[in-house]
PDB file of all heavy atoms in Angstrom:
ATOM      1  N   ALA A   1       0.802  -1.225   0.000  1.00  0.00           N
ATOM      2  CA  ALA A   1       0.000   0.000   0.000  1.00  0.00           C
ATOM      3  C   ALA A   1       0.839   1.282   0.000  1.00  0.00           C
ATOM      4  O   ALA A   1       0.400   2.302  -0.510  1.00  0.00           O
ATOM      5  CB  ALA A   1      -0.923   0.009   1.214  1.00  0.00           C
ATOM      6  N   GLY A   2       2.025   1.219   0.565  1.00  0.00           N
ATOM      7  CA  GLY A   2       2.803   2.443   0.710  1.00  0.00           C
ATOM      8  C   GLY A   2       4.089   2.446  -0.077  1.00  0.00           C
ATOM      9  O   GLY A   2       5.093   2.989   0.367  1.00  0.00           O
ATOM     10  N   ARG A   3       4.063   1.820  -1.247  1.00  0.00           N
ATOM     11  CA  ARG A   3       5.293   1.707  -2.040  1.00  0.00           C
ATOM     12  C   ARG A   3       5.842   3.085  -2.405  1.00  0.00           C
ATOM     13  O   ARG A   3       7.039   3.313  -2.317  1.00  0.00           O
ATOM     14  CB  ARG A   3       5.033   0.892  -3.292  1.00  0.00           C
ATOM     15  CG  ARG A   3       6.284   0.608  -4.072  1.00  0.00           C
ATOM     16  CD  ARG A   3       6.031  -0.244  -5.286  1.00  0.00           C
ATOM     17  NE  ARG A   3       5.159  -1.358  -4.969  1.00  0.00           N
ATOM     18  CZ  ARG A   3       4.115  -1.699  -5.721  1.00  0.00           C
ATOM     19  NH1 ARG A   3       3.828  -1.034  -6.807  1.00  0.00           N
ATOM     20  NH2 ARG A   3       3.363  -2.724  -5.387  1.00  0.00           N
ATOM     21  N   GLY A   4       4.994   4.004  -2.791  1.00  0.00           N
ATOM     22  CA  GLY A   4       5.451   5.349  -3.160  1.00  0.00           C
ATOM     23  C   GLY A   4       6.119   6.066  -2.003  1.00  0.00           C
ATOM     24  O   GLY A   4       7.137   6.745  -2.184  1.00  0.00           O
ATOM     25  N   LEU A   5       5.561   5.903  -0.825  1.00  0.00           N
ATOM     26  CA  LEU A   5       6.140   6.537   0.360  1.00  0.00           C
ATOM     27  C   LEU A   5       7.491   5.919   0.709  1.00  0.00           C
ATOM     28  O   LEU A   5       8.437   6.633   1.043  1.00  0.00           O
ATOM     29  CB  LEU A   5       5.182   6.402   1.539  1.00  0.00           C
ATOM     30  CG  LEU A   5       5.537   7.141   2.811  1.00  0.00           C
ATOM     31  CD1 LEU A   5       5.651   8.632   2.546  1.00  0.00           C
ATOM     32  CD2 LEU A   5       4.507   6.860   3.877  1.00  0.00           C
ATOM     33  N   LEU A   6       7.601   4.593   0.595  1.00  0.00           N
ATOM     34  CA  LEU A   6       8.877   3.932   0.878  1.00  0.00           C
ATOM     35  C   LEU A   6       9.948   4.346  -0.123  1.00  0.00           C
ATOM     36  O   LEU A   6      11.104   4.564   0.249  1.00  0.00           O
ATOM     37  CB  LEU A   6       8.704   2.409   0.863  1.00  0.00           C
ATOM     38  CG  LEU A   6       7.925   1.803   2.019  1.00  0.00           C
ATOM     39  CD1 LEU A   6       7.728   0.310   1.803  1.00  0.00           C
ATOM     40  CD2 LEU A   6       8.635   2.053   3.328  1.00  0.00           C
ATOM     41  N   VAL A   7       9.570   4.473  -1.382  1.00  0.00           N
ATOM     42  CA  VAL A   7      10.515   4.907  -2.413  1.00  0.00           C
ATOM     43  C   VAL A   7      10.998   6.316  -2.113  1.00  0.00           C
ATOM     44  O   VAL A   7      12.190   6.625  -2.234  1.00  0.00           O
ATOM     45  CB  VAL A   7       9.858   4.822  -3.811  1.00  0.00           C
ATOM     46  CG1 VAL A   7      10.659   5.578  -4.845  1.00  0.00           C
ATOM     47  CG2 VAL A   7       9.668   3.374  -4.227  1.00  0.00           C
ATOM     48  N   GLN A   8      10.085   7.161  -1.685  1.00  0.00           N
ATOM     49  CA  GLN A   8      10.443   8.555  -1.362  1.00  0.00           C
ATOM     50  C   GLN A   8      11.333   8.615  -0.119  1.00  0.00           C
ATOM     51  O   GLN A   8      12.319   9.344  -0.093  1.00  0.00           O
ATOM     52  CB  GLN A   8       9.174   9.371  -1.152  1.00  0.00           C
ATOM     53  CG  GLN A   8       9.422  10.826  -0.898  1.00  0.00           C
ATOM     54  CD  GLN A   8       8.117  11.576  -0.665  1.00  0.00           C
ATOM     55  OE1 GLN A   8       7.067  10.973  -0.497  1.00  0.00           O
ATOM     56  NE2 GLN A   8       8.191  12.886  -0.658  1.00  0.00           N
ATOM     57  N   TRP A   9      10.993   7.862   0.926  1.00  0.00           N
ATOM     58  CA  TRP A   9      11.775   7.879   2.170  1.00  0.00           C
ATOM     59  C   TRP A   9      13.205   7.414   1.962  1.00  0.00           C
ATOM     60  O   TRP A   9      14.140   8.002   2.479  1.00  0.00           O
ATOM     61  CB  TRP A   9      11.130   6.988   3.215  1.00  0.00           C
ATOM     62  CG  TRP A   9      10.023   7.623   3.981  1.00  0.00           C
ATOM     63  CD1 TRP A   9       9.598   8.914   3.916  1.00  0.00           C
ATOM     64  CD2 TRP A   9       9.182   6.980   4.920  1.00  0.00           C
ATOM     65  NE1 TRP A   9       8.536   9.102   4.750  1.00  0.00           N
ATOM     66  CE2 TRP A   9       8.264   7.925   5.395  1.00  0.00           C
ATOM     67  CE3 TRP A   9       9.093   5.692   5.408  1.00  0.00           C
ATOM     68  CZ2 TRP A   9       7.296   7.626   6.324  1.00  0.00           C
ATOM     69  CZ3 TRP A   9       8.128   5.393   6.335  1.00  0.00           C
ATOM     70  CH2 TRP A   9       7.230   6.360   6.793  1.00  0.00           C
ATOM     71  N   PHE A  10      13.370   6.307   1.246  1.00  0.00           N
ATOM     72  CA  PHE A  10      14.692   5.709   1.116  1.00  0.00           C
ATOM     73  C   PHE A  10      15.453   6.189  -0.114  1.00  0.00           C
ATOM     74  O   PHE A  10      16.623   5.868  -0.280  1.00  0.00           O
ATOM     75  CB  PHE A  10      14.584   4.181   1.107  1.00  0.00           C
ATOM     76  CG  PHE A  10      14.150   3.625   2.428  1.00  0.00           C
ATOM     77  CD1 PHE A  10      12.874   3.125   2.597  1.00  0.00           C
ATOM     78  CD2 PHE A  10      15.006   3.614   3.512  1.00  0.00           C
ATOM     79  CE1 PHE A  10      12.461   2.613   3.817  1.00  0.00           C
ATOM     80  CE2 PHE A  10      14.612   3.116   4.736  1.00  0.00           C
ATOM     81  CZ  PHE A  10      13.334   2.612   4.892  1.00  0.00           C
ATOM     82  N   GLY A  11      14.807   6.961  -0.974  1.00  0.00           N
ATOM     83  CA  GLY A  11      15.475   7.525  -2.130  1.00  0.00           C
ATOM     84  C   GLY A  11      15.952   6.488  -3.131  1.00  0.00           C
ATOM     85  O   GLY A  11      17.026   6.639  -3.708  1.00  0.00           O
ATOM     86  N   VAL A  12      15.190   5.448  -3.297  1.00  0.00           N
ATOM     87  CA  VAL A  12      15.537   4.389  -4.247  1.00  0.00           C
ATOM     88  C   VAL A  12      14.550   4.423  -5.409  1.00  0.00           C
ATOM     89  O   VAL A  12      13.449   4.949  -5.285  1.00  0.00           O
ATOM     90  CB  VAL A  12      15.512   3.003  -3.565  1.00  0.00           C
ATOM     91  CG1 VAL A  12      16.588   2.908  -2.498  1.00  0.00           C
ATOM     92  CG2 VAL A  12      14.158   2.709  -2.956  1.00  0.00           C
ATOM     93  N   PRO A  13      14.923   3.867  -6.550  1.00  0.00           N
ATOM     94  CA  PRO A  13      13.967   3.832  -7.664  1.00  0.00           C
ATOM     95  C   PRO A  13      12.832   2.850  -7.383  1.00  0.00           C
ATOM     96  O   PRO A  13      13.014   1.884  -6.646  1.00  0.00           O
ATOM     97  CB  PRO A  13      14.809   3.373  -8.854  1.00  0.00           C
ATOM     98  CG  PRO A  13      15.992   2.710  -8.268  1.00  0.00           C
ATOM     99  CD  PRO A  13      16.227   3.347  -6.930  1.00  0.00           C
ATOM    100  N   ALA A  14      11.702   3.101  -7.976  1.00  0.00           N
ATOM    101  CA  ALA A  14      10.550   2.207  -7.821  1.00  0.00           C
ATOM    102  C   ALA A  14      10.863   0.867  -8.480  1.00  0.00           C
ATOM    103  O   ALA A  14      11.591   0.814  -9.469  1.00  0.00           O
ATOM    104  CB  ALA A  14       9.313   2.833  -8.459  1.00  0.00           C
ATOM    105  N   PRO A  15      10.358  -0.219  -7.922  1.00  0.00           N
ATOM    106  CA  PRO A  15      10.645  -1.531  -8.513  1.00  0.00           C
ATOM    107  C   PRO A  15      10.048  -1.637  -9.915  1.00  0.00           C
ATOM    108  O   PRO A  15       8.958  -1.147 -10.183  1.00  0.00           O
ATOM    109  CB  PRO A  15       9.977  -2.512  -7.556  1.00  0.00           C
ATOM    110  CG  PRO A  15       8.996  -1.729  -6.788  1.00  0.00           C
ATOM    111  CD  PRO A  15       9.476  -0.324  -6.771  1.00  0.00           C
ATOM    112  N   ALA A  16      10.804  -2.282 -10.797  1.00  0.00           N
ATOM    113  CA  ALA A  16      10.320  -2.469 -12.165  1.00  0.00           C
ATOM    114  C   ALA A  16      10.511  -3.930 -12.532  1.00  0.00           C
ATOM    115  O   ALA A  16      11.641  -4.402 -12.518  1.00  0.00           O
ATOM    116  CB  ALA A  16      11.077  -1.571 -13.123  1.00  0.00           C
ATOM    117  N   PRO A  17       9.509  -4.642 -12.784  1.00  0.00           N
ATOM    118  CA  PRO A  17       8.085  -4.351 -12.726  1.00  0.00           C
ATOM    119  C   PRO A  17       7.579  -4.384 -11.282  1.00  0.00           C
ATOM    120  O   PRO A  17       8.185  -5.023 -10.426  1.00  0.00           O
ATOM    121  CB  PRO A  17       7.452  -5.467 -13.562  1.00  0.00           C
ATOM    122  CG  PRO A  17       8.391  -6.607 -13.454  1.00  0.00           C
ATOM    123  CD  PRO A  17       9.767  -5.985 -13.326  1.00  0.00           C
ATOM    124  N   PRO A  18       6.481  -3.718 -11.023  1.00  0.00           N
ATOM    125  CA  PRO A  18       5.966  -3.617  -9.644  1.00  0.00           C
ATOM    126  C   PRO A  18       5.502  -4.948  -9.055  1.00  0.00           C
ATOM    127  O   PRO A  18       5.330  -5.045  -7.847  1.00  0.00           O
ATOM    128  CB  PRO A  18       4.797  -2.653  -9.745  1.00  0.00           C
ATOM    129  CG  PRO A  18       4.724  -2.187 -11.134  1.00  0.00           C
ATOM    130  CD  PRO A  18       5.734  -2.898 -11.946  1.00  0.00           C
ATOM    131  N   ILE A  19       5.346  -5.972  -9.872  1.00  0.00           N
ATOM    132  CA  ILE A  19       4.898  -7.267  -9.358  1.00  0.00           C
ATOM    133  C   ILE A  19       5.891  -7.834  -8.342  1.00  0.00           C
ATOM    134  O   ILE A  19       5.510  -8.559  -7.433  1.00  0.00           O
ATOM    135  CB  ILE A  19       4.645  -8.263 -10.517  1.00  0.00           C
ATOM    136  CG1 ILE A  19       4.011  -9.549 -10.024  1.00  0.00           C
ATOM    137  CG2 ILE A  19       5.929  -8.594 -11.239  1.00  0.00           C
ATOM    138  CD1 ILE A  19       2.565  -9.424  -9.708  1.00  0.00           C
ATOM    139  N   HIS A  20       7.161  -7.464  -8.478  1.00  0.00           N
ATOM    140  CA  HIS A  20       8.161  -7.955  -7.528  1.00  0.00           C
ATOM    141  C   HIS A  20       7.879  -7.447  -6.117  1.00  0.00           C
ATOM    142  O   HIS A  20       7.957  -8.203  -5.149  1.00  0.00           O
ATOM    143  CB  HIS A  20       9.568  -7.556  -7.973  1.00  0.00           C
ATOM    144  CG  HIS A  20       9.989  -8.160  -9.255  1.00  0.00           C
ATOM    145  ND1 HIS A  20      10.059  -9.515  -9.457  1.00  0.00           N
ATOM    146  CD2 HIS A  20      10.352  -7.590 -10.422  1.00  0.00           C
ATOM    147  CE1 HIS A  20      10.453  -9.772 -10.685  1.00  0.00           C
ATOM    148  NE2 HIS A  20      10.631  -8.600 -11.302  1.00  0.00           N
ATOM    149  N   ALA A  21       7.556  -6.185  -5.982  1.00  0.00           N
ATOM    150  CA  ALA A  21       7.231  -5.626  -4.670  1.00  0.00           C
ATOM    151  C   ALA A  21       5.909  -6.202  -4.164  1.00  0.00           C
ATOM    152  O   ALA A  21       5.764  -6.457  -2.966  1.00  0.00           O
ATOM    153  CB  ALA A  21       7.153  -4.110  -4.734  1.00  0.00           C
ATOM    154  N   ASP A  22       4.949  -6.419  -5.059  1.00  0.00           N
ATOM    155  CA  ASP A  22       3.667  -6.997  -4.646  1.00  0.00           C
ATOM    156  C   ASP A  22       3.848  -8.415  -4.108  1.00  0.00           C
ATOM    157  O   ASP A  22       3.277  -8.773  -3.075  1.00  0.00           O
ATOM    158  CB  ASP A  22       2.688  -7.019  -5.821  1.00  0.00           C
ATOM    159  CG  ASP A  22       2.287  -5.628  -6.272  1.00  0.00           C
ATOM    160  OD1 ASP A  22       2.422  -4.684  -5.467  1.00  0.00           O
ATOM    161  OD2 ASP A  22       1.848  -5.491  -7.424  1.00  0.00           O
ATOM    162  N   LEU A  23       4.632  -9.223  -4.788  1.00  0.00           N
ATOM    163  CA  LEU A  23       4.859 -10.591  -4.324  1.00  0.00           C
ATOM    164  C   LEU A  23       5.623 -10.619  -3.007  1.00  0.00           C
ATOM    165  O   LEU A  23       5.322 -11.425  -2.119  1.00  0.00           O
ATOM    166  CB  LEU A  23       5.605 -11.387  -5.392  1.00  0.00           C
ATOM    167  CG  LEU A  23       4.807 -11.710  -6.641  1.00  0.00           C
ATOM    168  CD1 LEU A  23       5.687 -12.398  -7.668  1.00  0.00           C
ATOM    169  CD2 LEU A  23       3.591 -12.555  -6.308  1.00  0.00           C
ATOM    170  N   ASN A  24       6.602  -9.735  -2.852  1.00  0.00           N
ATOM    171  CA  ASN A  24       7.317  -9.659  -1.576  1.00  0.00           C
ATOM    172  C   ASN A  24       6.388  -9.213  -0.451  1.00  0.00           C
ATOM    173  O   ASN A  24       6.492  -9.688   0.685  1.00  0.00           O
ATOM    174  CB  ASN A  24       8.512  -8.725  -1.685  1.00  0.00           C
ATOM    175  CG  ASN A  24       9.656  -9.352  -2.423  1.00  0.00           C
ATOM    176  OD1 ASN A  24       9.800 -10.567  -2.452  1.00  0.00           O
ATOM    177  ND2 ASN A  24      10.477  -8.525  -3.033  1.00  0.00           N
ATOM    178  N   GLY A  25       5.481  -8.294  -0.749  1.00  0.00           N
ATOM    179  CA  GLY A  25       4.510  -7.856   0.257  1.00  0.00           C
ATOM    180  C   GLY A  25       3.571  -8.971   0.660  1.00  0.00           C
ATOM    181  O   GLY A  25       3.286  -9.156   1.848  1.00  0.00           O
ATOM    182  N   LEU A  26       3.091  -9.738  -0.306  1.00  0.00           N
ATOM    183  CA  LEU A  26       2.221 -10.874   0.008  1.00  0.00           C
ATOM    184  C   LEU A  26       2.966 -11.935   0.809  1.00  0.00           C
ATOM    185  O   LEU A  26       2.414 -12.539   1.729  1.00  0.00           O
ATOM    186  CB  LEU A  26       1.659 -11.483  -1.275  1.00  0.00           C
ATOM    187  CG  LEU A  26       0.610 -10.652  -1.995  1.00  0.00           C
ATOM    188  CD1 LEU A  26       0.245 -11.307  -3.320  1.00  0.00           C
ATOM    189  CD2 LEU A  26      -0.624 -10.478  -1.128  1.00  0.00           C
ATOM    190  N   PHE A  27       4.215 -12.174   0.467  1.00  0.00           N
ATOM    191  CA  PHE A  27       5.018 -13.139   1.203  1.00  0.00           C
ATOM    192  C   PHE A  27       5.214 -12.695   2.654  1.00  0.00           C
ATOM    193  O   PHE A  27       5.087 -13.494   3.583  1.00  0.00           O
ATOM    194  CB  PHE A  27       6.363 -13.320   0.508  1.00  0.00           C
ATOM    195  CG  PHE A  27       7.246 -14.328   1.155  1.00  0.00           C
ATOM    196  CD1 PHE A  27       6.915 -15.673   1.147  1.00  0.00           C
ATOM    197  CD2 PHE A  27       8.425 -13.949   1.772  1.00  0.00           C
ATOM    198  CE1 PHE A  27       7.732 -16.615   1.750  1.00  0.00           C
ATOM    199  CE2 PHE A  27       9.247 -14.876   2.374  1.00  0.00           C
ATOM    200  CZ  PHE A  27       8.906 -16.216   2.363  1.00  0.00           C
ATOM    201  N   ALA A  28       5.496 -11.419   2.870  1.00  0.00           N
ATOM    202  CA  ALA A  28       5.670 -10.909   4.232  1.00  0.00           C
ATOM    203  C   ALA A  28       4.370 -11.013   5.028  1.00  0.00           C
ATOM    204  O   ALA A  28       4.383 -11.355   6.217  1.00  0.00           O
ATOM    205  CB  ALA A  28       6.159  -9.466   4.198  1.00  0.00           C
ATOM    206  N   LEU A  29       3.229 -10.744   4.385  1.00  0.00           N
ATOM    207  CA  LEU A  29       1.944 -10.888   5.074  1.00  0.00           C
ATOM    208  C   LEU A  29       1.645 -12.349   5.394  1.00  0.00           C
ATOM    209  O   LEU A  29       1.053 -12.660   6.433  1.00  0.00           O
ATOM    210  CB  LEU A  29       0.824 -10.280   4.242  1.00  0.00           C
ATOM    211  CG  LEU A  29       0.805  -8.758   4.165  1.00  0.00           C
ATOM    212  CD1 LEU A  29      -0.321  -8.289   3.252  1.00  0.00           C
ATOM    213  CD2 LEU A  29       0.670  -8.144   5.545  1.00  0.00           C
TER     214      LEU A  29
END
């Protein structure tokens, strides 16, 4: 839910493709 905020806080590029961050989020949940 907060990928944009995390990218802004840590100053890193957004994941490409975003499915990688989604799968990691589901795994953590």
